[in-house]
């Protein structure tokens, strides 16, 4: 991972700039940069990837069950 140390720093800084922009603070992050990074699948936050996975699972649940009434004791728990 040492070989990517500068790359890691660079994209950590991109995430910081993105967060500043979201708060309305001055940022070097532009709409164009956001678009090109998102086009290659860039993940802005640590939790974003897991949220995206869970969102896809919710869409699948809605497709299968016709609703989004997912509770702790849902039919998903009974299937395992």
N, C-alpha and C. Protein backbone atom coordinates (compact mmCIF):
# COMPACT_ATOMS: atom_id res chain seq x y z
N UNK A 1 0.82 -1.19 0.00
CA UNK A 1 0.00 0.00 0.00
C UNK A 1 0.87 1.26 0.00
N UNK A 2 2.09 1.11 0.38
CA UNK A 2 3.02 2.24 0.41
C UNK A 2 3.12 2.93 -0.94
N UNK A 3 3.03 2.18 -2.01
CA UNK A 3 3.14 2.75 -3.35
C UNK A 3 1.99 3.70 -3.68
N UNK A 4 0.88 3.58 -2.96
CA UNK A 4 -0.28 4.42 -3.22
C UNK A 4 -0.44 5.54 -2.20
N UNK A 5 0.58 5.76 -1.39
CA UNK A 5 0.50 6.74 -0.30
C UNK A 5 0.08 8.12 -0.78
N UNK A 6 0.66 8.61 -1.86
CA UNK A 6 0.30 9.93 -2.39
C UNK A 6 -1.11 9.94 -2.94
N UNK A 7 -1.51 8.86 -3.58
CA UNK A 7 -2.86 8.75 -4.12
C UNK A 7 -3.88 8.79 -2.98
N UNK A 8 -3.60 8.09 -1.90
CA UNK A 8 -4.48 8.08 -0.74
C UNK A 8 -4.61 9.49 -0.18
N UNK A 9 -3.50 10.19 -0.03
CA UNK A 9 -3.53 11.56 0.47
C UNK A 9 -4.35 12.47 -0.44
N UNK A 10 -4.14 12.32 -1.72
CA UNK A 10 -4.85 13.15 -2.70
C UNK A 10 -6.35 12.97 -2.58
N UNK A 11 -6.82 11.75 -2.51
CA UNK A 11 -8.25 11.52 -2.49
C UNK A 11 -8.87 11.69 -1.11
N UNK A 12 -8.05 11.64 -0.06
CA UNK A 12 -8.53 12.05 1.25
C UNK A 12 -8.84 13.55 1.19
N UNK A 13 -7.94 14.30 0.54
CA UNK A 13 -8.15 15.74 0.38
C UNK A 13 -9.39 16.02 -0.47
N UNK A 14 -9.65 15.20 -1.47
CA UNK A 14 -10.86 15.38 -2.29
C UNK A 14 -12.11 15.22 -1.43
N UNK A 15 -12.08 14.22 -0.56
CA UNK A 15 -13.23 14.01 0.34
C UNK A 15 -13.41 15.19 1.29
N UNK A 16 -12.30 15.73 1.78
CA UNK A 16 -12.38 16.91 2.65
C UNK A 16 -12.99 18.10 1.91
N UNK A 17 -12.56 18.32 0.67
CA UNK A 17 -13.09 19.42 -0.13
C UNK A 17 -14.57 19.22 -0.43
N UNK A 18 -14.96 18.00 -0.69
CA UNK A 18 -16.36 17.67 -0.93
C UNK A 18 -17.20 17.99 0.30
N UNK A 19 -16.70 17.61 1.49
CA UNK A 19 -17.42 17.87 2.73
C UNK A 19 -17.54 19.38 2.99
N UNK A 20 -16.48 20.12 2.74
CA UNK A 20 -16.52 21.57 2.91
C UNK A 20 -17.59 22.19 2.00
N UNK A 21 -17.59 21.73 0.76
CA UNK A 21 -18.57 22.25 -0.20
C UNK A 21 -19.99 21.96 0.27
N UNK A 22 -20.20 20.75 0.77
CA UNK A 22 -21.53 20.36 1.26
C UNK A 22 -21.99 21.24 2.41
N UNK A 23 -21.04 21.75 3.20
CA UNK A 23 -21.36 22.63 4.33
C UNK A 23 -21.49 24.09 3.90
N UNK A 24 -21.24 24.37 2.63
CA UNK A 24 -21.32 25.74 2.14
C UNK A 24 -20.05 26.55 2.37
N UNK A 25 -18.99 25.87 2.75
CA UNK A 25 -17.71 26.54 2.96
C UNK A 25 -16.96 26.63 1.63
N UNK A 26 -15.92 27.48 1.60
CA UNK A 26 -15.10 27.57 0.39
C UNK A 26 -14.46 26.22 0.14
N UNK A 27 -14.46 25.81 -1.12
CA UNK A 27 -13.88 24.52 -1.51
C UNK A 27 -13.40 24.58 -2.95
N UNK A 28 -12.35 23.85 -3.22
CA UNK A 28 -11.87 23.74 -4.59
C UNK A 28 -12.62 22.67 -5.38
N UNK A 29 -13.54 21.97 -4.71
CA UNK A 29 -14.32 20.92 -5.37
C UNK A 29 -15.34 21.57 -6.30
N UNK A 30 -15.36 21.10 -7.54
CA UNK A 30 -16.29 21.64 -8.54
C UNK A 30 -17.31 20.58 -8.94
N UNK A 31 -18.38 21.02 -9.58
CA UNK A 31 -19.38 20.08 -10.12
C UNK A 31 -18.72 19.09 -11.07
N UNK A 32 -17.81 19.60 -11.90
CA UNK A 32 -17.14 18.74 -12.86
C UNK A 32 -16.33 17.64 -12.17
N UNK A 33 -15.59 18.00 -11.13
CA UNK A 33 -14.80 16.99 -10.41
C UNK A 33 -15.71 15.95 -9.75
N UNK A 34 -16.79 16.42 -9.16
CA UNK A 34 -17.74 15.49 -8.54
C UNK A 34 -18.25 14.50 -9.58
N UNK A 35 -18.64 15.01 -10.74
CA UNK A 35 -19.19 14.17 -11.80
C UNK A 35 -18.18 13.14 -12.28
N UNK A 36 -16.96 13.57 -12.56
CA UNK A 36 -15.99 12.59 -13.11
C UNK A 36 -15.57 11.57 -12.06
N UNK A 37 -15.51 11.97 -10.80
CA UNK A 37 -15.19 11.00 -9.75
C UNK A 37 -16.34 10.01 -9.55
N UNK A 38 -17.56 10.52 -9.54
CA UNK A 38 -18.71 9.62 -9.39
C UNK A 38 -18.87 8.70 -10.59
N UNK A 39 -18.50 9.18 -11.76
CA UNK A 39 -18.59 8.35 -12.97
C UNK A 39 -17.68 7.12 -12.91
N UNK A 40 -16.60 7.20 -12.12
CA UNK A 40 -15.72 6.04 -11.99
C UNK A 40 -15.99 5.25 -10.71
N UNK A 41 -17.07 5.63 -10.00
CA UNK A 41 -17.48 4.89 -8.81
C UNK A 41 -16.83 5.34 -7.52
N UNK A 42 -16.33 6.58 -7.49
CA UNK A 42 -15.67 7.10 -6.29
C UNK A 42 -16.65 7.11 -5.12
N UNK A 43 -16.19 6.67 -3.97
CA UNK A 43 -16.99 6.63 -2.75
C UNK A 43 -16.61 7.83 -1.89
N UNK A 44 -17.56 8.70 -1.60
CA UNK A 44 -17.27 9.92 -0.85
C UNK A 44 -17.10 9.69 0.63
N UNK A 45 -17.89 8.82 1.19
CA UNK A 45 -17.82 8.60 2.63
C UNK A 45 -17.57 7.14 2.95
N UNK A 46 -17.07 6.91 4.15
CA UNK A 46 -16.78 5.53 4.56
C UNK A 46 -18.03 4.68 4.59
N UNK A 47 -19.17 5.27 4.91
CA UNK A 47 -20.41 4.51 5.03
C UNK A 47 -21.20 4.46 3.73
N UNK A 48 -20.78 5.22 2.74
CA UNK A 48 -21.55 5.31 1.50
C UNK A 48 -21.67 3.97 0.79
N UNK A 49 -20.58 3.22 0.74
CA UNK A 49 -20.63 1.94 0.03
C UNK A 49 -21.61 0.98 0.69
N UNK A 50 -21.56 0.87 2.02
CA UNK A 50 -22.50 -0.04 2.69
C UNK A 50 -23.93 0.46 2.55
N UNK A 51 -24.13 1.81 2.56
CA UNK A 51 -25.47 2.35 2.36
C UNK A 51 -25.99 1.98 0.98
N UNK A 52 -25.13 2.10 -0.04
CA UNK A 52 -25.53 1.76 -1.41
C UNK A 52 -25.92 0.29 -1.51
N UNK A 53 -25.17 -0.57 -0.85
CA UNK A 53 -25.47 -2.01 -0.87
C UNK A 53 -26.83 -2.25 -0.21
N UNK A 54 -27.05 -1.64 0.95
CA UNK A 54 -28.32 -1.83 1.65
C UNK A 54 -29.49 -1.24 0.86
N UNK A 55 -29.26 -0.14 0.17
CA UNK A 55 -30.31 0.44 -0.67
C UNK A 55 -30.69 -0.52 -1.79
N UNK A 56 -29.70 -1.14 -2.41
CA UNK A 56 -29.99 -2.12 -3.46
C UNK A 56 -30.76 -3.30 -2.89
N UNK A 57 -30.44 -3.72 -1.68
CA UNK A 57 -31.17 -4.81 -1.03
C UNK A 57 -32.62 -4.39 -0.75
N UNK A 58 -32.82 -3.13 -0.36
CA UNK A 58 -34.17 -2.63 -0.13
C UNK A 58 -34.98 -2.65 -1.43
N UNK A 59 -34.37 -2.23 -2.53
CA UNK A 59 -35.07 -2.25 -3.81
C UNK A 59 -35.45 -3.68 -4.18
N UNK A 60 -34.58 -4.63 -3.90
CA UNK A 60 -34.88 -6.03 -4.17
C UNK A 60 -36.04 -6.51 -3.28
N UNK A 61 -36.02 -6.11 -2.00
CA UNK A 61 -37.10 -6.46 -1.08
C UNK A 61 -38.43 -5.91 -1.58
N UNK A 62 -38.43 -4.65 -2.01
CA UNK A 62 -39.65 -4.03 -2.53
C UNK A 62 -40.15 -4.78 -3.76
N UNK A 63 -39.23 -5.16 -4.63
CA UNK A 63 -39.60 -5.91 -5.83
C UNK A 63 -40.24 -7.24 -5.45
N UNK A 64 -39.65 -7.93 -4.46
CA UNK A 64 -40.13 -9.25 -4.06
C UNK A 64 -41.42 -9.21 -3.23
N UNK A 65 -41.58 -8.17 -2.39
CA UNK A 65 -42.68 -8.14 -1.43
C UNK A 65 -43.72 -7.07 -1.72
N UNK A 66 -43.41 -6.14 -2.62
CA UNK A 66 -44.37 -5.12 -2.99
C UNK A 66 -44.51 -3.98 -1.99
N UNK A 67 -43.66 -3.95 -0.99
CA UNK A 67 -43.69 -2.86 -0.01
C UNK A 67 -42.28 -2.67 0.56
N UNK A 68 -42.15 -1.67 1.41
CA UNK A 68 -40.84 -1.49 2.06
C UNK A 68 -41.01 -1.48 3.57
N UNK A 69 -41.91 -2.30 4.05
CA UNK A 69 -42.14 -2.45 5.49
C UNK A 69 -41.15 -3.47 6.04
N UNK A 70 -39.91 -3.06 6.14
CA UNK A 70 -38.86 -3.94 6.64
C UNK A 70 -38.65 -3.63 8.11
N UNK A 71 -38.93 -4.60 8.95
CA UNK A 71 -38.76 -4.45 10.39
C UNK A 71 -37.76 -5.48 10.88
N UNK A 72 -37.38 -5.35 12.12
CA UNK A 72 -36.39 -6.27 12.69
C UNK A 72 -36.84 -7.72 12.51
N UNK A 73 -38.09 -7.99 12.77
CA UNK A 73 -38.62 -9.35 12.62
C UNK A 73 -39.33 -9.46 11.26
N UNK A 74 -38.61 -9.23 10.19
CA UNK A 74 -39.22 -9.28 8.85
C UNK A 74 -39.17 -10.69 8.29
N UNK A 75 -39.78 -10.85 7.14
CA UNK A 75 -39.75 -12.15 6.47
C UNK A 75 -38.35 -12.53 6.06
N UNK A 76 -37.44 -11.56 5.97
CA UNK A 76 -36.06 -11.88 5.62
C UNK A 76 -35.43 -12.72 6.73
N UNK A 77 -35.74 -12.39 7.98
CA UNK A 77 -35.18 -13.15 9.10
C UNK A 77 -35.72 -14.58 9.10
N UNK A 78 -36.94 -14.76 8.66
CA UNK A 78 -37.55 -16.08 8.67
C UNK A 78 -37.04 -16.96 7.53
N UNK A 79 -36.44 -16.36 6.51
CA UNK A 79 -35.97 -17.14 5.36
C UNK A 79 -34.67 -17.86 5.65
N UNK A 80 -33.93 -17.42 6.67
CA UNK A 80 -32.63 -18.06 6.96
C UNK A 80 -32.74 -19.19 7.90
